[in-house]
Amino acid sequence: MKRSEQAESLFLGGNNCSQSVLLPFLDELELDRKTALQMAAGFGGGMGRMQYTCGAVTGSVMVLGLVEAARRGEEGLKPRSYEKVKEFFKRFEAEHGTSSCKELTGCDFGSEEGSAAFREEGVMEKICAPCVRRAVEIVEDLLAD
C-alpha cells in the first residue's frame, strides 16, 4: 500500500489528519508510533479543532523536519527544512486554494450547525481525506529531491 493510501485509510479509520500524515513515514523517522500519535494529537481539525492550519499540512511540516533531521543530522537543518516547508505550502495552496482548515472544509466546527454540516455533507470523506492523501504525495515528492 502506498503511503498516501495508508494515510487516507488511517484518517478514515479514526486518526486525526495530522497523525494520519505522520504515521506512514515512521520507517524513515527516529520516532516510535506511540510518540508520533501523541505528538500529532493536538494538531487535528486545524489545531485542536480551532480550524487554523489544516492538520494534513501541520503533519506534513512535522514529517519534512523530522525526515530532514534523520537523513542529514542537525547541521543546516533549519534552512533545508524551511525550503521544503515553503515549497510544500506553495504546492498545497496552489491545488487547494488555501491551507486553512476552516476555508477548506467550509464548516465552522465551533457551531452545532457547522459540525452537523461536516457530518451530513460528507466533508471528511470529500475534502479532508483527499487533502490528507495529497499532502503525503507532495511530501514524498519533496523528500525525493
N, C-alpha and C. Protein backbone atom coordinates (compact mmCIF):
# COMPACT_ATOMS: atom_id res chain seq x y z
N MET A 1 0.85 -1.18 0.00
CA MET A 1 0.00 0.00 0.00
C MET A 1 0.89 1.24 0.00
N LYS A 2 0.57 2.18 -0.85
CA LYS A 2 1.33 3.43 -0.91
C LYS A 2 1.08 4.25 0.36
N ARG A 3 2.06 5.10 0.67
CA ARG A 3 1.92 5.94 1.88
C ARG A 3 0.67 6.80 1.82
N SER A 4 0.37 7.35 0.67
CA SER A 4 -0.81 8.21 0.56
C SER A 4 -2.09 7.42 0.83
N GLU A 5 -2.15 6.20 0.36
CA GLU A 5 -3.31 5.34 0.63
C GLU A 5 -3.38 4.97 2.11
N GLN A 6 -2.21 4.68 2.68
CA GLN A 6 -2.15 4.35 4.11
C GLN A 6 -2.64 5.54 4.93
N ALA A 7 -2.21 6.74 4.58
CA ALA A 7 -2.62 7.94 5.30
C ALA A 7 -4.12 8.14 5.24
N GLU A 8 -4.69 7.98 4.05
CA GLU A 8 -6.13 8.14 3.90
C GLU A 8 -6.88 7.09 4.72
N SER A 9 -6.39 5.87 4.71
CA SER A 9 -7.01 4.79 5.48
C SER A 9 -6.92 5.06 6.99
N LEU A 10 -5.78 5.55 7.43
CA LEU A 10 -5.61 5.90 8.85
C LEU A 10 -6.59 7.00 9.24
N PHE A 11 -6.73 7.99 8.37
CA PHE A 11 -7.63 9.10 8.65
C PHE A 11 -9.09 8.64 8.72
N LEU A 12 -9.51 7.90 7.73
CA LEU A 12 -10.89 7.42 7.72
C LEU A 12 -11.14 6.39 8.81
N GLY A 13 -10.05 5.83 9.35
CA GLY A 13 -10.15 4.85 10.43
C GLY A 13 -10.16 5.45 11.82
N GLY A 14 -10.07 6.78 11.92
CA GLY A 14 -10.21 7.41 13.23
C GLY A 14 -9.04 8.25 13.71
N ASN A 15 -7.90 8.21 13.04
CA ASN A 15 -6.81 9.09 13.43
C ASN A 15 -7.10 10.49 12.90
N ASN A 16 -6.53 11.50 13.56
CA ASN A 16 -6.75 12.84 13.04
C ASN A 16 -5.88 13.05 11.80
N CYS A 17 -6.10 14.14 11.11
CA CYS A 17 -5.43 14.42 9.85
C CYS A 17 -3.91 14.51 10.01
N SER A 18 -3.46 15.14 11.05
CA SER A 18 -2.03 15.30 11.28
C SER A 18 -1.36 13.96 11.60
N GLN A 19 -1.99 13.17 12.46
CA GLN A 19 -1.47 11.84 12.78
C GLN A 19 -1.42 10.97 11.53
N SER A 20 -2.43 11.08 10.71
CA SER A 20 -2.54 10.25 9.51
C SER A 20 -1.45 10.55 8.49
N VAL A 21 -0.98 11.77 8.44
CA VAL A 21 0.12 12.14 7.55
C VAL A 21 1.46 11.69 8.15
N LEU A 22 1.61 11.80 9.43
CA LEU A 22 2.87 11.47 10.10
C LEU A 22 3.16 9.97 10.14
N LEU A 23 2.18 9.17 10.48
CA LEU A 23 2.39 7.74 10.70
C LEU A 23 2.98 6.97 9.53
N PRO A 24 2.58 7.22 8.28
CA PRO A 24 3.16 6.45 7.19
C PRO A 24 4.67 6.65 6.99
N PHE A 25 5.24 7.65 7.62
CA PHE A 25 6.66 7.94 7.46
C PHE A 25 7.52 7.40 8.61
N LEU A 26 6.92 6.64 9.51
CA LEU A 26 7.67 6.15 10.67
C LEU A 26 8.90 5.36 10.29
N ASP A 27 8.87 4.70 9.14
CA ASP A 27 10.03 3.92 8.72
C ASP A 27 11.26 4.80 8.46
N GLU A 28 11.06 6.08 8.24
CA GLU A 28 12.18 6.99 8.00
C GLU A 28 12.51 7.87 9.21
N LEU A 29 11.72 7.74 10.24
CA LEU A 29 11.89 8.65 11.39
C LEU A 29 12.49 7.94 12.59
N GLU A 30 13.16 8.71 13.39
CA GLU A 30 13.68 8.22 14.66
C GLU A 30 12.61 8.47 15.72
N LEU A 31 11.48 7.79 15.52
CA LEU A 31 10.29 8.06 16.32
C LEU A 31 9.44 6.80 16.35
N ASP A 32 8.91 6.48 17.53
CA ASP A 32 8.03 5.32 17.61
C ASP A 32 6.58 5.75 17.41
N ARG A 33 5.73 4.78 17.12
CA ARG A 33 4.32 5.05 16.81
C ARG A 33 3.61 5.79 17.94
N LYS A 34 3.81 5.35 19.18
CA LYS A 34 3.13 5.96 20.32
C LYS A 34 3.51 7.44 20.44
N THR A 35 4.79 7.74 20.31
CA THR A 35 5.24 9.13 20.40
C THR A 35 4.69 9.95 19.25
N ALA A 36 4.68 9.38 18.05
CA ALA A 36 4.14 10.08 16.89
C ALA A 36 2.67 10.42 17.09
N LEU A 37 1.90 9.45 17.56
CA LEU A 37 0.48 9.69 17.81
C LEU A 37 0.28 10.79 18.85
N GLN A 38 1.07 10.74 19.90
CA GLN A 38 0.95 11.74 20.95
C GLN A 38 1.37 13.12 20.45
N MET A 39 2.47 13.17 19.70
CA MET A 39 2.99 14.43 19.20
C MET A 39 1.99 15.14 18.28
N ALA A 40 1.31 14.37 17.44
CA ALA A 40 0.41 14.96 16.45
C ALA A 40 -1.04 15.08 16.95
N ALA A 41 -1.32 14.59 18.15
CA ALA A 41 -2.70 14.54 18.65
C ALA A 41 -3.39 15.90 18.66
N GLY A 42 -2.71 16.94 19.03
CA GLY A 42 -3.34 18.25 19.16
C GLY A 42 -3.47 19.05 17.88
N PHE A 43 -2.95 18.51 16.77
CA PHE A 43 -2.94 19.27 15.53
C PHE A 43 -4.15 19.02 14.63
N GLY A 44 -4.97 18.03 14.95
CA GLY A 44 -6.13 17.72 14.12
C GLY A 44 -7.18 18.82 14.14
N GLY A 45 -7.95 18.87 13.07
CA GLY A 45 -9.02 19.88 12.99
C GLY A 45 -8.49 21.29 12.95
N GLY A 46 -7.32 21.45 12.34
CA GLY A 46 -6.74 22.79 12.25
C GLY A 46 -6.23 23.28 13.59
N MET A 47 -5.59 22.40 14.33
CA MET A 47 -5.00 22.64 15.65
C MET A 47 -6.09 22.70 16.71
N GLY A 48 -6.33 21.56 17.31
CA GLY A 48 -7.30 21.49 18.40
C GLY A 48 -8.72 21.79 17.98
N ARG A 49 -9.05 21.46 16.73
CA ARG A 49 -10.37 21.73 16.15
C ARG A 49 -10.71 23.23 16.13
N MET A 50 -9.66 24.08 16.14
CA MET A 50 -9.90 25.52 16.05
C MET A 50 -9.91 25.99 14.60
N GLN A 51 -9.61 25.07 13.69
CA GLN A 51 -9.67 25.31 12.25
C GLN A 51 -8.70 26.36 11.73
N TYR A 52 -7.52 26.35 12.28
CA TYR A 52 -6.46 27.21 11.74
C TYR A 52 -5.78 26.44 10.61
N THR A 53 -4.51 26.19 10.68
CA THR A 53 -3.82 25.47 9.61
C THR A 53 -4.28 24.02 9.57
N CYS A 54 -4.61 23.55 8.38
CA CYS A 54 -5.06 22.18 8.15
C CYS A 54 -4.11 21.18 8.80
N GLY A 55 -4.65 20.18 9.47
CA GLY A 55 -3.84 19.17 10.13
C GLY A 55 -2.99 18.35 9.17
N ALA A 56 -3.47 18.16 7.95
CA ALA A 56 -2.65 17.46 6.95
C ALA A 56 -1.40 18.28 6.64
N VAL A 57 -1.53 19.59 6.68
CA VAL A 57 -0.41 20.49 6.45
C VAL A 57 0.55 20.46 7.64
N THR A 58 0.03 20.56 8.85
CA THR A 58 0.93 20.56 10.01
C THR A 58 1.63 19.20 10.15
N GLY A 59 0.93 18.13 9.83
CA GLY A 59 1.57 16.82 9.83
C GLY A 59 2.69 16.76 8.81
N SER A 60 2.46 17.36 7.67
CA SER A 60 3.49 17.40 6.62
C SER A 60 4.71 18.19 7.06
N VAL A 61 4.49 19.30 7.74
CA VAL A 61 5.59 20.11 8.24
C VAL A 61 6.42 19.29 9.24
N MET A 62 5.74 18.54 10.10
CA MET A 62 6.47 17.68 11.05
C MET A 62 7.30 16.64 10.31
N VAL A 63 6.71 15.99 9.32
CA VAL A 63 7.42 14.96 8.56
C VAL A 63 8.65 15.56 7.88
N LEU A 64 8.47 16.68 7.22
CA LEU A 64 9.59 17.29 6.50
C LEU A 64 10.76 17.61 7.44
N GLY A 65 10.47 18.18 8.59
CA GLY A 65 11.53 18.48 9.55
C GLY A 65 12.17 17.23 10.13
N LEU A 66 11.36 16.27 10.49
CA LEU A 66 11.88 15.04 11.10
C LEU A 66 12.68 14.20 10.11
N VAL A 67 12.22 14.08 8.89
CA VAL A 67 12.97 13.30 7.90
C VAL A 67 14.27 13.98 7.55
N GLU A 68 14.24 15.28 7.38
CA GLU A 68 15.48 16.01 7.09
C GLU A 68 16.49 15.78 8.22
N ALA A 69 16.04 15.84 9.46
CA ALA A 69 16.93 15.63 10.61
C ALA A 69 17.46 14.20 10.62
N ALA A 70 16.60 13.23 10.36
CA ALA A 70 17.02 11.83 10.36
C ALA A 70 18.00 11.54 9.24
N ARG A 71 17.81 12.16 8.11
CA ARG A 71 18.67 11.91 6.95
C ARG A 71 19.99 12.65 7.02
N ARG A 72 19.97 13.86 7.52
CA ARG A 72 21.15 14.73 7.39
C ARG A 72 21.72 15.26 8.69
N GLY A 73 21.07 14.98 9.80
CA GLY A 73 21.57 15.50 11.06
C GLY A 73 21.18 16.94 11.27
N GLU A 74 21.76 17.55 12.27
CA GLU A 74 21.34 18.90 12.67
C GLU A 74 22.00 20.03 11.89
N GLU A 75 23.15 19.77 11.30
CA GLU A 75 23.85 20.85 10.62
C GLU A 75 23.06 21.37 9.43
N GLY A 76 22.72 22.63 9.43
CA GLY A 76 21.96 23.23 8.35
C GLY A 76 20.51 22.79 8.29
N LEU A 77 20.03 22.19 9.36
CA LEU A 77 18.69 21.61 9.36
C LEU A 77 17.60 22.65 9.11
N LYS A 78 17.64 23.76 9.82
CA LYS A 78 16.56 24.74 9.67
C LYS A 78 16.45 25.29 8.25
N PRO A 79 17.54 25.72 7.64
CA PRO A 79 17.38 26.25 6.27
C PRO A 79 16.82 25.21 5.29
N ARG A 80 17.27 23.96 5.38
CA ARG A 80 16.76 22.92 4.48
C ARG A 80 15.28 22.65 4.76
N SER A 81 14.94 22.58 6.02
CA SER A 81 13.54 22.34 6.39
C SER A 81 12.66 23.49 5.95
N TYR A 82 13.12 24.70 6.14
CA TYR A 82 12.33 25.87 5.75
C TYR A 82 12.06 25.86 4.24
N GLU A 83 13.06 25.51 3.45
CA GLU A 83 12.88 25.45 2.00
C GLU A 83 11.80 24.43 1.62
N LYS A 84 11.88 23.26 2.22
CA LYS A 84 10.91 22.20 1.92
C LYS A 84 9.50 22.62 2.36
N VAL A 85 9.40 23.23 3.53
CA VAL A 85 8.09 23.66 4.04
C VAL A 85 7.49 24.74 3.14
N LYS A 86 8.30 25.70 2.74
CA LYS A 86 7.80 26.75 1.84
C LYS A 86 7.29 26.16 0.54
N GLU A 87 8.03 25.21 -0.01
CA GLU A 87 7.62 24.57 -1.26
C GLU A 87 6.35 23.74 -1.05
N PHE A 88 6.26 23.08 0.10
CA PHE A 88 5.04 22.32 0.40
C PHE A 88 3.83 23.24 0.39
N PHE A 89 3.90 24.35 1.13
CA PHE A 89 2.78 25.30 1.19
C PHE A 89 2.43 25.81 -0.20
N LYS A 90 3.44 26.14 -0.98
CA LYS A 90 3.22 26.65 -2.33
C LYS A 90 2.40 25.65 -3.15
N ARG A 91 2.79 24.39 -3.10
CA ARG A 91 2.10 23.36 -3.89
C ARG A 91 0.70 23.06 -3.35
N PHE A 92 0.61 22.90 -2.03
CA PHE A 92 -0.68 22.57 -1.43
C PHE A 92 -1.70 23.68 -1.69
N GLU A 93 -1.29 24.91 -1.46
CA GLU A 93 -2.20 26.04 -1.64
C GLU A 93 -2.53 26.28 -3.11
N ALA A 94 -1.60 25.98 -4.00
CA ALA A 94 -1.89 26.11 -5.43
C ALA A 94 -2.99 25.15 -5.85
N GLU A 95 -3.00 23.97 -5.25
CA GLU A 95 -4.00 22.96 -5.59
C GLU A 95 -5.33 23.17 -4.86
N HIS A 96 -5.25 23.61 -3.61
CA HIS A 96 -6.45 23.67 -2.77
C HIS A 96 -6.94 25.09 -2.49
N GLY A 97 -6.16 26.08 -2.88
CA GLY A 97 -6.55 27.46 -2.70
C GLY A 97 -6.25 28.04 -1.34
N THR A 98 -5.95 27.19 -0.37
CA THR A 98 -5.69 27.63 1.00
C THR A 98 -5.07 26.48 1.79
N SER A 99 -4.55 26.82 2.96
CA SER A 99 -4.10 25.79 3.90
C SER A 99 -4.90 25.90 5.20
N SER A 100 -5.94 26.69 5.18
CA SER A 100 -6.81 26.91 6.34
C SER A 100 -7.87 25.81 6.42
N CYS A 101 -7.94 25.15 7.54
CA CYS A 101 -8.95 24.11 7.75
C CYS A 101 -10.36 24.67 7.55
N LYS A 102 -10.61 25.83 8.10
CA LYS A 102 -11.96 26.41 8.01
C LYS A 102 -12.34 26.71 6.56
N GLU A 103 -11.38 27.24 5.80
CA GLU A 103 -11.66 27.55 4.41
C GLU A 103 -11.78 26.28 3.56
N LEU A 104 -10.96 25.29 3.85
CA LEU A 104 -11.02 24.03 3.11
C LEU A 104 -12.35 23.32 3.33
N THR A 105 -12.77 23.25 4.59
CA THR A 105 -13.98 22.49 4.93
C THR A 105 -15.25 23.28 4.69
N GLY A 106 -15.19 24.59 4.83
CA GLY A 106 -16.39 25.41 4.69
C GLY A 106 -17.36 25.24 5.83
N CYS A 107 -16.88 24.64 6.92
CA CYS A 107 -17.73 24.39 8.09
C CYS A 107 -17.10 25.02 9.32
N ASP A 108 -17.94 25.48 10.23
CA ASP A 108 -17.48 26.02 11.50
C ASP A 108 -17.64 24.93 12.56
N PHE A 109 -16.52 24.30 12.94
CA PHE A 109 -16.58 23.22 13.93
C PHE A 109 -17.07 23.70 15.29
N GLY A 110 -16.99 25.01 15.53
CA GLY A 110 -17.40 25.56 16.80
C GLY A 110 -18.90 25.73 16.95
N SER A 111 -19.63 25.56 15.86
CA SER A 111 -21.08 25.70 15.94
C SER A 111 -21.74 24.35 15.72
N GLU A 112 -22.92 24.21 16.27
CA GLU A 112 -23.69 22.97 16.12
C GLU A 112 -24.04 22.75 14.64
N GLU A 113 -24.41 23.84 13.96
CA GLU A 113 -24.76 23.75 12.55
C GLU A 113 -23.57 23.34 11.70
N GLY A 114 -22.40 23.91 11.99
CA GLY A 114 -21.18 23.59 11.24
C GLY A 114 -20.74 22.15 11.44
N SER A 115 -20.83 21.68 12.67
CA SER A 115 -20.48 20.29 12.96
C SER A 115 -21.45 19.33 12.27
N ALA A 116 -22.71 19.70 12.26
CA ALA A 116 -23.72 18.86 11.60
C ALA A 116 -23.47 18.85 10.09
N ALA A 117 -23.16 20.01 9.52
CA ALA A 117 -22.89 20.09 8.09
C ALA A 117 -21.66 19.26 7.72
N PHE A 118 -20.65 19.27 8.57
CA PHE A 118 -19.43 18.48 8.35
C PHE A 118 -19.79 17.00 8.19
N ARG A 119 -20.64 16.52 9.08
CA ARG A 119 -21.04 15.11 9.04
C ARG A 119 -22.00 14.83 7.88
N GLU A 120 -23.05 15.63 7.79
CA GLU A 120 -24.12 15.37 6.82
C GLU A 120 -23.67 15.53 5.37
N GLU A 121 -22.77 16.46 5.12
CA GLU A 121 -22.31 16.71 3.75
C GLU A 121 -21.10 15.86 3.37
N GLY A 122 -20.64 15.03 4.29
CA GLY A 122 -19.51 14.15 3.99
C GLY A 122 -18.21 14.88 3.75
N VAL A 123 -18.01 15.99 4.46
CA VAL A 123 -16.81 16.80 4.26
C VAL A 123 -15.54 16.01 4.57
N MET A 124 -15.60 15.17 5.59
CA MET A 124 -14.43 14.38 5.96
C MET A 124 -13.98 13.50 4.79
N GLU A 125 -14.92 12.86 4.14
CA GLU A 125 -14.61 11.96 3.03
C GLU A 125 -14.32 12.72 1.73
N LYS A 126 -15.06 13.80 1.48
CA LYS A 126 -14.95 14.52 0.21
C LYS A 126 -13.80 15.52 0.16
N ILE A 127 -13.49 16.12 1.31
CA ILE A 127 -12.47 17.18 1.32
C ILE A 127 -11.25 16.80 2.14
N CYS A 128 -11.48 16.38 3.38
CA CYS A 128 -10.35 16.13 4.28
C CYS A 128 -9.51 14.93 3.86
N ALA A 129 -10.14 13.82 3.55
CA ALA A 129 -9.38 12.62 3.16
C ALA A 129 -8.52 12.88 1.91
N PRO A 130 -9.06 13.52 0.87
CA PRO A 130 -8.20 13.83 -0.27
C PRO A 130 -7.06 14.80 0.07
N CYS A 131 -7.29 15.71 1.01
CA CYS A 131 -6.21 16.61 1.44
C CYS A 131 -5.10 15.83 2.14
N VAL A 132 -5.48 14.88 2.97
CA VAL A 132 -4.51 14.02 3.66
C VAL A 132 -3.70 13.25 2.63
N ARG A 133 -4.40 12.64 1.70
CA ARG A 133 -3.74 11.84 0.66
C ARG A 133 -2.77 12.70 -0.16
N ARG A 134 -3.25 13.85 -0.60
CA ARG A 134 -2.42 14.71 -1.45
C ARG A 134 -1.24 15.29 -0.68
N ALA A 135 -1.43 15.61 0.59
CA ALA A 135 -0.33 16.13 1.40
C ALA A 135 0.81 15.13 1.44
N VAL A 136 0.50 13.87 1.63
CA VAL A 136 1.53 12.83 1.67
C VAL A 136 2.23 12.72 0.32
N GLU A 137 1.48 12.81 -0.76
CA GLU A 137 2.09 12.75 -2.09
C GLU A 137 3.06 13.90 -2.31
N ILE A 138 2.68 15.10 -1.88
CA ILE A 138 3.57 16.26 -2.02
C ILE A 138 4.82 16.05 -1.17
N VAL A 139 4.66 15.59 0.06
CA VAL A 139 5.81 15.35 0.94
C VAL A 139 6.75 14.34 0.30
N GLU A 140 6.21 13.27 -0.20
CA GLU A 140 7.06 12.25 -0.85
C GLU A 140 7.84 12.85 -2.00
N ASP A 141 7.19 13.67 -2.79
CA ASP A 141 7.86 14.32 -3.92
C ASP A 141 8.99 15.22 -3.42
N LEU A 142 8.72 15.99 -2.39
CA LEU A 142 9.74 16.89 -1.85
C LEU A 142 10.91 16.12 -1.23
N LEU A 143 10.63 15.00 -0.62
CA LEU A 143 11.70 14.22 0.01
C LEU A 143 12.53 13.46 -1.03
N ALA A 144 11.98 13.29 -2.22
CA ALA A 144 12.71 12.61 -3.28
C ALA A 144 13.75 13.54 -3.92
N ASP A 145 13.58 14.85 -3.73
CA ASP A 145 14.52 15.83 -4.30
C ASP A 145 15.89 15.71 -3.67
